C-alpha atoms as a PDB file:
ATOM      1  CA  MET A   1      15.866   1.382  10.552  1.00  0.00           C
ATOM      2  CA  LYS A   2      12.803   3.580  10.933  1.00  0.00           C
ATOM      3  CA  ILE A   3       9.857   2.748   8.694  1.00  0.00           C
ATOM      4  CA  SER A   4       7.363   5.236   7.280  1.00  0.00           C
ATOM      5  CA  LEU A   5       4.088   3.412   6.711  1.00  0.00           C
ATOM      6  CA  ILE A   6       1.893   5.250   4.191  1.00  0.00           C
ATOM      7  CA  PHE A   7      -1.677   4.450   3.261  1.00  0.00           C
ATOM      8  CA  THR A   8      -4.331   6.287   1.275  1.00  0.00           C
ATOM      9  CA  THR A   9      -7.895   7.003   2.319  1.00  0.00           C
ATOM     10  CA  TYR A  10     -10.966   8.729   0.931  1.00  0.00           C
ATOM     11  CA  ASN A  11     -14.199   9.288   2.867  1.00  0.00           C
ATOM     12  CA  SER A  12     -14.245   5.865   4.540  1.00  0.00           C
ATOM     13  CA  PRO A  13     -13.938   6.702   8.241  1.00  0.00           C
ATOM     14  CA  ALA A  14     -15.132   3.321   9.554  1.00  0.00           C
ATOM     15  CA  TRP A  15     -12.638   1.396   7.422  1.00  0.00           C
ATOM     16  CA  LEU A  16      -9.933   3.964   8.254  1.00  0.00           C
ATOM     17  CA  GLU A  17     -10.422   3.448  11.980  1.00  0.00           C
ATOM     18  CA  ASN A  18     -10.060  -0.328  11.716  1.00  0.00           C
ATOM     19  CA  VAL A  19      -6.911   0.036   9.629  1.00  0.00           C
ATOM     20  CA  LEU A  20      -5.454   2.340  12.292  1.00  0.00           C
ATOM     21  CA  TRP A  21      -6.345  -0.168  15.017  1.00  0.00           C
ATOM     22  CA  GLY A  22      -4.489  -2.797  13.007  1.00  0.00           C
ATOM     23  CA  LEU A  23      -1.436  -0.555  12.942  1.00  0.00           C
ATOM     24  CA  LEU A  24      -1.647   0.301  16.631  1.00  0.00           C
ATOM     25  CA  TYR A  25      -1.581  -3.433  17.472  1.00  0.00           C
ATOM     26  CA  GLN A  26       1.650  -4.083  15.532  1.00  0.00           C
ATOM     27  CA  SER A  27       4.384  -6.034  17.316  1.00  0.00           C
ATOM     28  CA  ASP A  28       7.037  -3.806  15.696  1.00  0.00           C
ATOM     29  CA  ARG A  29       6.698  -0.265  17.095  1.00  0.00           C
ATOM     30  CA  ASN A  30       9.533   1.532  15.287  1.00  0.00           C
ATOM     31  CA  PHE A  31       7.523   3.193  12.560  1.00  0.00           C
ATOM     32  CA  GLU A  32       5.450   6.251  11.796  1.00  0.00           C
ATOM     33  CA  ILE A  33       2.009   6.311  10.173  1.00  0.00           C
ATOM     34  CA  ILE A  34       1.233   8.748   7.368  1.00  0.00           C
ATOM     35  CA  VAL A  35      -2.408   8.922   6.298  1.00  0.00           C
ATOM     36  CA  ALA A  36      -2.428  10.115   2.681  1.00  0.00           C
ATOM     37  CA  ASP A  37      -5.894  11.647   2.407  1.00  0.00           C
ATOM     38  CA  ASP A  38      -7.202  12.213  -1.125  1.00  0.00           C
ATOM     39  CA  GLY A  39      -9.764  14.886  -0.208  1.00  0.00           C
ATOM     40  CA  SER A  40     -11.893  13.390   2.588  1.00  0.00           C
ATOM     41  CA  GLY A  41     -14.333  15.433   4.653  1.00  0.00           C
ATOM     42  CA  PRO A  42     -14.432  16.237   8.395  1.00  0.00           C
ATOM     43  CA  ALA A  43     -15.409  12.721   9.527  1.00  0.00           C
ATOM     44  CA  THR A  44     -12.023  11.390   8.417  1.00  0.00           C
ATOM     45  CA  ARG A  45     -10.156  14.151  10.232  1.00  0.00           C
ATOM     46  CA  GLU A  46     -12.150  13.413  13.398  1.00  0.00           C
ATOM     47  CA  VAL A  47     -11.138   9.730  13.304  1.00  0.00           C
ATOM     48  CA  ILE A  48      -7.471  10.603  12.813  1.00  0.00           C
ATOM     49  CA  THR A  49      -7.514  13.173  15.631  1.00  0.00           C
ATOM     50  CA  ARG A  50      -9.130  10.678  18.018  1.00  0.00           C
ATOM     51  CA  MET A  51      -6.685   7.908  17.114  1.00  0.00           C
ATOM     52  CA  GLN A  52      -3.700  10.248  17.428  1.00  0.00           C
ATOM     53  CA  ALA A  53      -4.677  10.807  21.060  1.00  0.00           C
ATOM     54  CA  LEU A  54      -4.719   7.041  21.687  1.00  0.00           C
ATOM     55  CA  SER A  55      -1.536   6.134  19.847  1.00  0.00           C
ATOM     56  CA  ASP A  56       2.074   5.936  20.998  1.00  0.00           C
ATOM     57  CA  ILE A  57       3.021   5.632  17.312  1.00  0.00           C
ATOM     58  CA  PRO A  58       3.189   8.984  15.456  1.00  0.00           C
ATOM     59  CA  ILE A  59       0.227   9.479  13.096  1.00  0.00           C
ATOM     60  CA  ARG A  60       0.549  12.233  10.490  1.00  0.00           C
ATOM     61  CA  HIS A  61      -2.277  13.450   8.274  1.00  0.00           C
ATOM     62  CA  VAL A  62      -1.398  14.640   4.747  1.00  0.00           C
ATOM     63  CA  TRP A  63      -4.493  16.043   2.980  1.00  0.00           C
ATOM     64  CA  GLN A  64      -5.285  17.445  -0.448  1.00  0.00           C
ATOM     65  CA  ALA A  65      -8.490  18.887  -1.898  1.00  0.00           C
ATOM     66  CA  ASP A  66     -10.898  16.510  -3.605  1.00  0.00           C
ATOM     67  CA  GLU A  67     -10.291  16.618  -7.370  1.00  0.00           C
ATOM     68  CA  GLY A  68     -11.393  13.100  -8.182  1.00  0.00           C
ATOM     69  CA  PHE A  69      -9.187  10.018  -7.847  1.00  0.00           C
ATOM     70  CA  GLN A  70      -5.672  11.445  -7.389  1.00  0.00           C
ATOM     71  CA  LYS A  71      -3.949   8.682  -5.448  1.00  0.00           C
ATOM     72  CA  CYS A  72      -0.583   9.200  -7.158  1.00  0.00           C
ATOM     73  CA  ARG A  73      -0.535  12.881  -6.254  1.00  0.00           C
ATOM     74  CA  ILE A  74      -1.293  12.352  -2.563  1.00  0.00           C
ATOM     75  CA  LEU A  75       1.228   9.503  -2.341  1.00  0.00           C
ATOM     76  CA  ASN A  76       3.939  11.808  -3.676  1.00  0.00           C
ATOM     77  CA  LYS A  77       3.031  14.398  -1.044  1.00  0.00           C
ATOM     78  CA  ALA A  78       3.211  11.706   1.629  1.00  0.00           C
ATOM     79  CA  LEU A  79       6.631  10.535   0.393  1.00  0.00           C
ATOM     80  CA  LEU A  80       7.959  14.061   0.868  1.00  0.00           C
ATOM     81  CA  LYS A  81       6.713  14.014   4.480  1.00  0.00           C
ATOM     82  CA  ALA A  82       8.257  10.616   5.281  1.00  0.00           C
ATOM     83  CA  SER A  83      11.000  10.708   7.916  1.00  0.00           C
ATOM     84  CA  GLY A  84      11.903   7.017   7.785  1.00  0.00           C
ATOM     85  CA  ASP A  85      14.634   5.226   5.868  1.00  0.00           C
ATOM     86  CA  TYR A  86      12.182   2.697   4.480  1.00  0.00           C
ATOM     87  CA  VAL A  87       8.678   3.100   3.045  1.00  0.00           C
ATOM     88  CA  LEU A  88       5.893   0.561   3.514  1.00  0.00           C
ATOM     89  CA  MET A  89       2.640   1.177   1.655  1.00  0.00           C
ATOM     90  CA  THR A  90      -0.839  -0.214   2.141  1.00  0.00           C
ATOM     91  CA  ASP A  91      -4.394   1.056   1.603  1.00  0.00           C
ATOM     92  CA  GLY A  92      -7.101   2.526   3.809  1.00  0.00           C
ATOM     93  CA  ASP A  93      -9.233  -0.576   3.268  1.00  0.00           C
ATOM     94  CA  CYS A  94      -6.597  -3.133   4.336  1.00  0.00           C
ATOM     95  CA  ILE A  95      -6.250  -4.194   7.983  1.00  0.00           C
ATOM     96  CA  PRO A  96      -2.737  -5.519   8.706  1.00  0.00           C
ATOM     97  CA  ARG A  97      -2.047  -8.542  10.870  1.00  0.00           C
ATOM     98  CA  HIS A  98       0.036  -7.857  14.007  1.00  0.00           C
ATOM     99  CA  ASP A  99       3.299  -8.937  12.316  1.00  0.00           C
ATOM    100  CA  PHE A 100       2.808  -6.903   9.104  1.00  0.00           C
ATOM    101  CA  VAL A 101       5.441  -4.232   9.807  1.00  0.00           C
ATOM    102  CA  ALA A 102       7.834  -6.737  11.391  1.00  0.00           C
ATOM    103  CA  THR A 103       7.624  -8.972   8.305  1.00  0.00           C
ATOM    104  CA  HIS A 104       8.458  -6.152   5.912  1.00  0.00           C
ATOM    105  CA  ARG A 105      11.375  -5.152   8.121  1.00  0.00           C
ATOM    106  CA  ARG A 106      12.662  -8.741   8.246  1.00  0.00           C
ATOM    107  CA  TYR A 107      12.643  -9.152   4.463  1.00  0.00           C
ATOM    108  CA  ALA A 108      13.876  -5.648   3.534  1.00  0.00           C
ATOM    109  CA  ARG A 109      17.113  -5.673   1.531  1.00  0.00           C
ATOM    110  CA  PRO A 110      18.987  -2.951  -0.386  1.00  0.00           C
ATOM    111  CA  GLY A 111      18.393  -3.226  -4.115  1.00  0.00           C
ATOM    112  CA  HIS A 112      15.010  -4.907  -3.647  1.00  0.00           C
ATOM    113  CA  TYR A 113      11.361  -4.083  -3.177  1.00  0.00           C
ATOM    114  CA  LEU A 114       8.820  -6.364  -1.504  1.00  0.00           C
ATOM    115  CA  SER A 115       5.559  -7.498  -3.080  1.00  0.00           C
ATOM    116  CA  GLY A 116       2.730  -8.691  -0.855  1.00  0.00           C
ATOM    117  CA  GLY A 117      -0.936  -9.504  -1.371  1.00  0.00           C
ATOM    118  CA  TYR A 118      -4.225  -9.384   0.509  1.00  0.00           C
ATOM    119  CA  CYS A 119      -7.195 -11.509   1.514  1.00  0.00           C
ATOM    120  CA  LYS A 120     -10.307  -9.930   0.023  1.00  0.00           C
ATOM    121  CA  LEU A 121     -13.386 -10.122   2.247  1.00  0.00           C
ATOM    122  CA  PRO A 122     -17.052  -9.788   1.236  1.00  0.00           C
ATOM    123  CA  LEU A 123     -18.955  -6.782   2.548  1.00  0.00           C
ATOM    124  CA  PRO A 124     -20.891  -8.564   5.373  1.00  0.00           C
ATOM    125  CA  VAL A 125     -17.635  -9.987   6.765  1.00  0.00           C
ATOM    126  CA  SER A 126     -15.936  -6.596   6.406  1.00  0.00           C
ATOM    127  CA  ARG A 127     -18.703  -4.995   8.456  1.00  0.00           C
ATOM    128  CA  ALA A 128     -18.502  -7.671  11.156  1.00  0.00           C
ATOM    129  CA  ILE A 129     -14.895  -6.858  12.140  1.00  0.00           C
ATOM    130  CA  SER A 130     -14.453  -4.844  15.347  1.00  0.00           C
ATOM    131  CA  PRO A 131     -11.324  -3.418  17.011  1.00  0.00           C
ATOM    132  CA  ASP A 132     -11.426  -6.319  19.476  1.00  0.00           C
ATOM    133  CA  ASP A 133     -11.439  -8.811  16.587  1.00  0.00           C
ATOM    134  CA  ILE A 134      -8.316  -7.100  15.246  1.00  0.00           C
ATOM    135  CA  LYS A 135      -6.574  -7.082  18.643  1.00  0.00           C
ATOM    136  CA  SER A 136      -7.382 -10.740  19.357  1.00  0.00           C
ATOM    137  CA  GLY A 137      -6.418 -11.876  15.852  1.00  0.00           C
ATOM    138  CA  ARG A 138      -9.877 -13.238  15.030  1.00  0.00           C
ATOM    139  CA  ALA A 139     -10.024 -10.962  11.985  1.00  0.00           C
ATOM    140  CA  PHE A 140      -7.198 -13.055  10.470  1.00  0.00           C
ATOM    141  CA  ASP A 141      -8.460 -16.475  11.588  1.00  0.00           C
ATOM    142  CA  PRO A 142     -10.047 -18.356   8.652  1.00  0.00           C
ATOM    143  CA  ARG A 143     -12.404 -20.251  10.965  1.00  0.00           C
ATOM    144  CA  TRP A 144     -13.800 -17.030  12.432  1.00  0.00           C
ATOM    145  CA  LEU A 145     -13.979 -15.356   9.022  1.00  0.00           C
ATOM    146  CA  CYS A 146     -15.844 -18.334   7.573  1.00  0.00           C
ATOM    147  CA  ALA A 147     -18.272 -18.202  10.481  1.00  0.00           C
ATOM    148  CA  GLN A 148     -19.003 -14.594   9.478  1.00  0.00           C
ATOM    149  CA  GLY A 149     -19.686 -15.616   5.868  1.00  0.00           C
ATOM    150  CA  MET A 150     -16.351 -15.867   4.037  1.00  0.00           C
ATOM    151  CA  ASP A 151     -16.088 -18.603   1.388  1.00  0.00           C
ATOM    152  CA  ARG A 152     -14.383 -21.583   3.039  1.00  0.00           C
ATOM    153  CA  LYS A 153     -12.245 -22.183  -0.066  1.00  0.00           C
ATOM    154  CA  LYS A 154     -10.732 -18.690  -0.116  1.00  0.00           C
ATOM    155  CA  HIS A 155      -7.561 -17.477   1.598  1.00  0.00           C
ATOM    156  CA  ARG A 156      -7.312 -20.352   4.097  1.00  0.00           C
ATOM    157  CA  LEU A 157      -3.813 -21.333   2.997  1.00  0.00           C
ATOM    158  CA  LYS A 158      -2.578 -17.741   2.980  1.00  0.00           C
ATOM    159  CA  LEU A 159      -3.972 -17.002   6.442  1.00  0.00           C
ATOM    160  CA  GLN A 160      -2.699 -20.232   7.994  1.00  0.00           C
ATOM    161  CA  ALA A 161       0.800 -20.414   6.476  1.00  0.00           C
ATOM    162  CA  ARG A 162       3.631 -19.760   8.917  1.00  0.00           C
ATOM    163  CA  GLY A 163       7.405 -20.111   8.968  1.00  0.00           C
ATOM    164  CA  TRP A 164       8.883 -22.421   6.325  1.00  0.00           C
ATOM    165  CA  GLN A 165       5.447 -23.044   4.793  1.00  0.00           C
ATOM    166  CA  ALA A 166       4.993 -19.333   4.046  1.00  0.00           C
ATOM    167  CA  VAL A 167       8.530 -19.107   2.636  1.00  0.00           C
ATOM    168  CA  LEU A 168       7.905 -22.111   0.386  1.00  0.00           C
ATOM    169  CA  LEU A 169       4.606 -20.692  -0.868  1.00  0.00           C
ATOM    170  CA  ASN A 170       6.230 -17.301  -1.505  1.00  0.00           C
ATOM    171  CA  ASN A 171       8.704 -19.074  -3.777  1.00  0.00           C
ATOM    172  CA  LEU A 172       6.155 -21.307  -5.502  1.00  0.00           C
ATOM    173  CA  THR A 173       3.364 -18.828  -6.211  1.00  0.00           C
ATOM    174  CA  PRO A 174       2.884 -17.963  -9.915  1.00  0.00           C
ATOM    175  CA  THR A 175       1.625 -14.502  -8.947  1.00  0.00           C
ATOM    176  CA  LYS A 176       3.709 -11.718 -10.481  1.00  0.00           C
ATOM    177  CA  ARG A 177       5.987  -9.750  -8.164  1.00  0.00           C
ATOM    178  CA  THR A 178       4.368  -6.399  -8.903  1.00  0.00           C
ATOM    179  CA  TRP A 179       4.309  -3.322  -6.693  1.00  0.00           C
ATOM    180  CA  ASN A 180       0.908  -3.675  -5.026  1.00  0.00           C
ATOM    181  CA  GLY A 181      -0.342  -0.501  -3.374  1.00  0.00           C
ATOM    182  CA  HIS A 182      -2.025  -2.472  -0.604  1.00  0.00           C
ATOM    183  CA  ASN A 183       1.153  -4.317   0.470  1.00  0.00           C
ATOM    184  CA  ALA A 184       4.593  -3.303  -0.819  1.00  0.00           C
ATOM    185  CA  SER A 185       7.755  -1.644   0.440  1.00  0.00           C
ATOM    186  CA  CYS A 186      11.158  -0.275  -0.568  1.00  0.00           C
ATOM    187  CA  PHE A 187      13.814   2.123   0.677  1.00  0.00           C
ATOM    188  CA  LEU A 188      12.694   5.754   0.550  1.00  0.00           C
ATOM    189  CA  SER A 189      15.784   6.653  -1.471  1.00  0.00           C
ATOM    190  CA  ASP A 190      14.664   4.256  -4.224  1.00  0.00           C
ATOM    191  CA  ALA A 191      11.152   5.730  -4.312  1.00  0.00           C
ATOM    192  CA  LEU A 192      12.611   9.224  -4.652  1.00  0.00           C
ATOM    193  CA  ALA A 193      15.164   8.106  -7.257  1.00  0.00           C
ATOM    194  CA  VAL A 194      12.359   7.180  -9.689  1.00  0.00           C
ATOM    195  CA  ASN A 195      10.593  10.489  -8.862  1.00  0.00           C
ATOM    196  CA  GLY A 196       7.675   8.845  -7.093  1.00  0.00           C
ATOM    197  CA  PHE A 197       4.357   8.076  -8.734  1.00  0.00           C
ATOM    198  CA  ASP A 198       3.220   9.285 -12.164  1.00  0.00           C
ATOM    199  CA  GLU A 199       0.531  11.882 -11.405  1.00  0.00           C
ATOM    200  CA  ARG A 200      -1.076  11.538 -14.832  1.00  0.00           C
ATOM    201  CA  MET A 201      -2.382   8.152 -13.758  1.00  0.00           C
ATOM    202  CA  GLN A 202      -5.705   7.608 -12.045  1.00  0.00           C
ATOM    203  CA  TYR A 203      -7.336   4.276 -11.200  1.00  0.00           C
ATOM    204  CA  GLY A 204      -5.984   1.133 -12.828  1.00  0.00           C
ATOM    205  CA  GLY A 205      -2.399  -0.117 -12.661  1.00  0.00           C
ATOM    206  CA  GLN A 206      -0.837   3.059 -11.300  1.00  0.00           C
ATOM    207  CA  ASP A 207       0.906   1.176  -8.488  1.00  0.00           C
ATOM    208  CA  CYS A 208       2.301  -1.424 -10.881  1.00  0.00           C
ATOM    209  CA  GLU A 209       3.775   1.309 -13.100  1.00  0.00           C
ATOM    210  CA  PHE A 210       5.726   2.623 -10.110  1.00  0.00           C
ATOM    211  CA  GLY A 211       7.104  -0.881  -9.543  1.00  0.00           C
ATOM    212  CA  GLU A 212       8.032  -1.222 -13.196  1.00  0.00           C
ATOM    213  CA  ARG A 213      10.173   1.904 -12.956  1.00  0.00           C
ATOM    214  CA  LEU A 214      11.815   0.532  -9.803  1.00  0.00           C
ATOM    215  CA  ARG A 215      12.742  -2.571 -11.795  1.00  0.00           C
ATOM    216  CA  ASN A 216      13.987  -0.412 -14.671  1.00  0.00           C
ATOM    217  CA  ALA A 217      16.221   1.288 -12.086  1.00  0.00           C
ATOM    218  CA  GLY A 218      17.754  -2.097 -11.264  1.00  0.00           C
ATOM    219  CA  LEU A 219      15.738  -3.198  -8.221  1.00  0.00           C
ATOM    220  CA  ARG A 220      14.704  -6.822  -7.858  1.00  0.00           C
ATOM    221  CA  ALA A 221      11.268  -7.797  -6.546  1.00  0.00           C
ATOM    222  CA  ARG A 222      10.806 -10.273  -3.703  1.00  0.00           C
ATOM    223  CA  GLN A 223       7.518 -12.079  -3.091  1.00  0.00           C
ATOM    224  CA  ILE A 224       6.098 -12.076   0.468  1.00  0.00           C
ATOM    225  CA  ARG A 225       2.371 -12.577  -0.183  1.00  0.00           C
ATOM    226  CA  TYR A 226       2.174 -15.547   2.228  1.00  0.00           C
ATOM    227  CA  SER A 227       4.204 -13.808   4.951  1.00  0.00           C
ATOM    228  CA  ALA A 228       2.911 -10.204   5.132  1.00  0.00           C
ATOM    229  CA  ILE A 229      -0.827 -10.560   5.694  1.00  0.00           C
ATOM    230  CA  CYS A 230      -3.646  -8.039   5.510  1.00  0.00           C
ATOM    231  CA  VAL A 231      -7.399  -8.417   4.987  1.00  0.00           C
ATOM    232  CA  HIS A 232      -9.116  -6.225   2.407  1.00  0.00           C
ATOM    233  CA  LEU A 233     -12.448  -4.639   3.346  1.00  0.00           C
ATOM    234  CA  ASP A 234     -15.027  -4.511   0.569  1.00  0.00           C
ATOM    235  CA  HIS A 235     -16.356  -1.235  -0.861  1.00  0.00           C
ATOM    236  CA  PRO A 236     -17.689   0.203  -4.147  1.00  0.00           C
ATOM    237  CA  ARG A 237     -15.292   1.731  -6.695  1.00  0.00           C
ATOM    238  CA  GLY A 238     -17.199   4.579  -8.273  1.00  0.00           C
ATOM    239  CA  TYR A 239     -13.944   6.153  -9.430  1.00  0.00           C
ATOM    240  CA  ALA A 240     -13.043   3.253 -11.753  1.00  0.00           C
ATOM    241  CA  SER A 241     -13.532   3.777 -15.482  1.00  0.00           C
ATOM    242  CA  ASP A 242     -12.507   2.155 -18.745  1.00  0.00           C
ATOM    243  CA  ALA A 243     -11.033   5.464 -19.913  1.00  0.00           C
ATOM    244  CA  SER A 244      -8.625   5.721 -16.963  1.00  0.00           C
ATOM    245  CA  ARG A 245      -7.597   2.085 -17.329  1.00  0.00           C
ATOM    246  CA  GLU A 246      -6.842   2.583 -21.031  1.00  0.00           C
ATOM    247  CA  LYS A 247      -4.847   5.750 -20.404  1.00  0.00           C
ATOM    248  CA  ASN A 248      -2.848   4.009 -17.694  1.00  0.00           C
ATOM    249  CA  ARG A 249      -2.273   0.969 -19.907  1.00  0.00           C
ATOM    250  CA  LYS A 250      -0.616   3.163 -22.541  1.00  0.00           C
ATOM    251  CA  ILE A 251       1.611   4.847 -19.944  1.00  0.00           C
ATOM    252  CA  ARG A 252       2.677   1.456 -18.590  1.00  0.00           C
ATOM    253  CA  GLU A 253       3.423   0.158 -22.078  1.00  0.00           C
ATOM    254  CA  LYS A 254       5.698   3.148 -22.705  1.00  0.00           C
ATOM    255  CA  THR A 255       7.428   2.656 -19.348  1.00  0.00           C
ATOM    256  CA  ARG A 256       8.198  -0.971 -20.192  1.00  0.00           C
ATOM    257  CA  ARG A 257       9.079  -0.382 -23.837  1.00  0.00           C
ATOM    258  CA  GLU A 258      11.461   2.508 -23.192  1.00  0.00           C
ATOM    259  CA  GLY A 259      12.822   1.358 -19.849  1.00  0.00           C
ATOM    260  CA  ILE A 260      11.775   4.600 -18.178  1.00  0.00           C
ATOM    261  CA  VAL A 261      13.152   5.091 -14.671  1.00  0.00           C
ATOM    262  CA  GLN A 262      12.088   8.624 -13.712  1.00  0.00           C
ATOM    263  CA  THR A 263       8.649   9.939 -14.546  1.00  0.00           C
ATOM    264  CA  PRO A 264       8.563  13.620 -15.580  1.00  0.00           C
ATOM    265  CA  TYR A 265       5.131  13.777 -13.921  1.00  0.00           C
ATOM    266  CA  GLY A 266       6.161  12.809 -10.410  1.00  0.00           C
ATOM    267  CA  ILE A 267       7.338  14.450  -7.198  1.00  0.00           C
ATOM    268  CA  ARG A 268       9.524  17.060  -8.902  1.00  0.00           C
ATOM    269  CA  PRO A 269       9.237  18.527 -12.407  1.00  0.00           C
ATOM    270  CA  LEU A 270      11.900  17.187 -14.744  1.00  0.00           C
ATOM    271  CA  THR A 271      13.274  18.837 -17.871  1.00  0.00           C
ATOM    272  CA  PRO A 272      14.542  16.718 -20.805  1.00  0.00           C
ATOM    273  CA  LEU A 273      18.088  17.389 -22.071  1.00  0.00           C
ATOM    274  CA  SER A 274      19.276  16.998 -25.660  1.00  0.00           C
ATOM    275  CA  ASP A 275      20.761  13.561 -24.853  1.00  0.00           C
ATOM    276  CA  GLY A 276      17.374  12.347 -23.589  1.00  0.00           C
ATOM    277  CA  SER A 277      18.270  12.468 -19.915  1.00  0.00           C
ATOM    278  CA  LEU A 278      16.193  14.342 -17.350  1.00  0.00           C
ATOM    279  CA  VAL A 279      17.185  16.958 -14.787  1.00  0.00           C
ATOM    280  CA  THR A 280      15.203  18.598 -12.020  1.00  0.00           C
ATOM    281  CA  GLY A 281      13.470  21.683 -13.435  1.00  0.00           C
END
């Protein structure tokens, strides 16, 4: 099973490079990388070009013009470029541990999607991570991270859990099994069946709404937050606003209330029929 790993980026070339190093050091090599670029400038393209020359894993760059935060739109474009059977999504500020792809492959099942988490790092620790720290695994070692300034009470259990301990914690965690854009996966056919992401949505719950439509379509969610590990690099969020969160909240409420499976505002335009069903326009 070939995996298409998709992640979004926007004008963060240093973080982008470290994420790509994390992907190049994966133990599982049977995947492609699709960088879904929401309007970055030349510095991002330069990083991707340089890393393409170093990588034995295909790296594809899907770009759109900068029109504000349009993550859903660029993700839909990336889905149409995916050549794999299975789609794994993360973000351009999340460095994956060496077994990230292998873990998603191991837990993948028809009729399911996988829900993972992240370990959020403060900015000084984020800046301290080098490609060598990623290769050696130090970037995922709680002792090293604490030495760089991470709170000793945070993430230690998640970063240290292995084998049966991780499985047990996956089953015990009270965290909801949402679709998390930084660490989630499903079969490409399921992503296309719900017509991708709702392009009306900007920042705030847009990934979860996609997962809610997958569940409305009959998929079950499986928790792997203690098995599939990535560290989240800190950065400002100038694109966040109360207005976008409120708009997204109303869309999500409608999705849940009406059991919506396909969004009319996704990959392909859909036309409503008299019986309420939708067809490709």
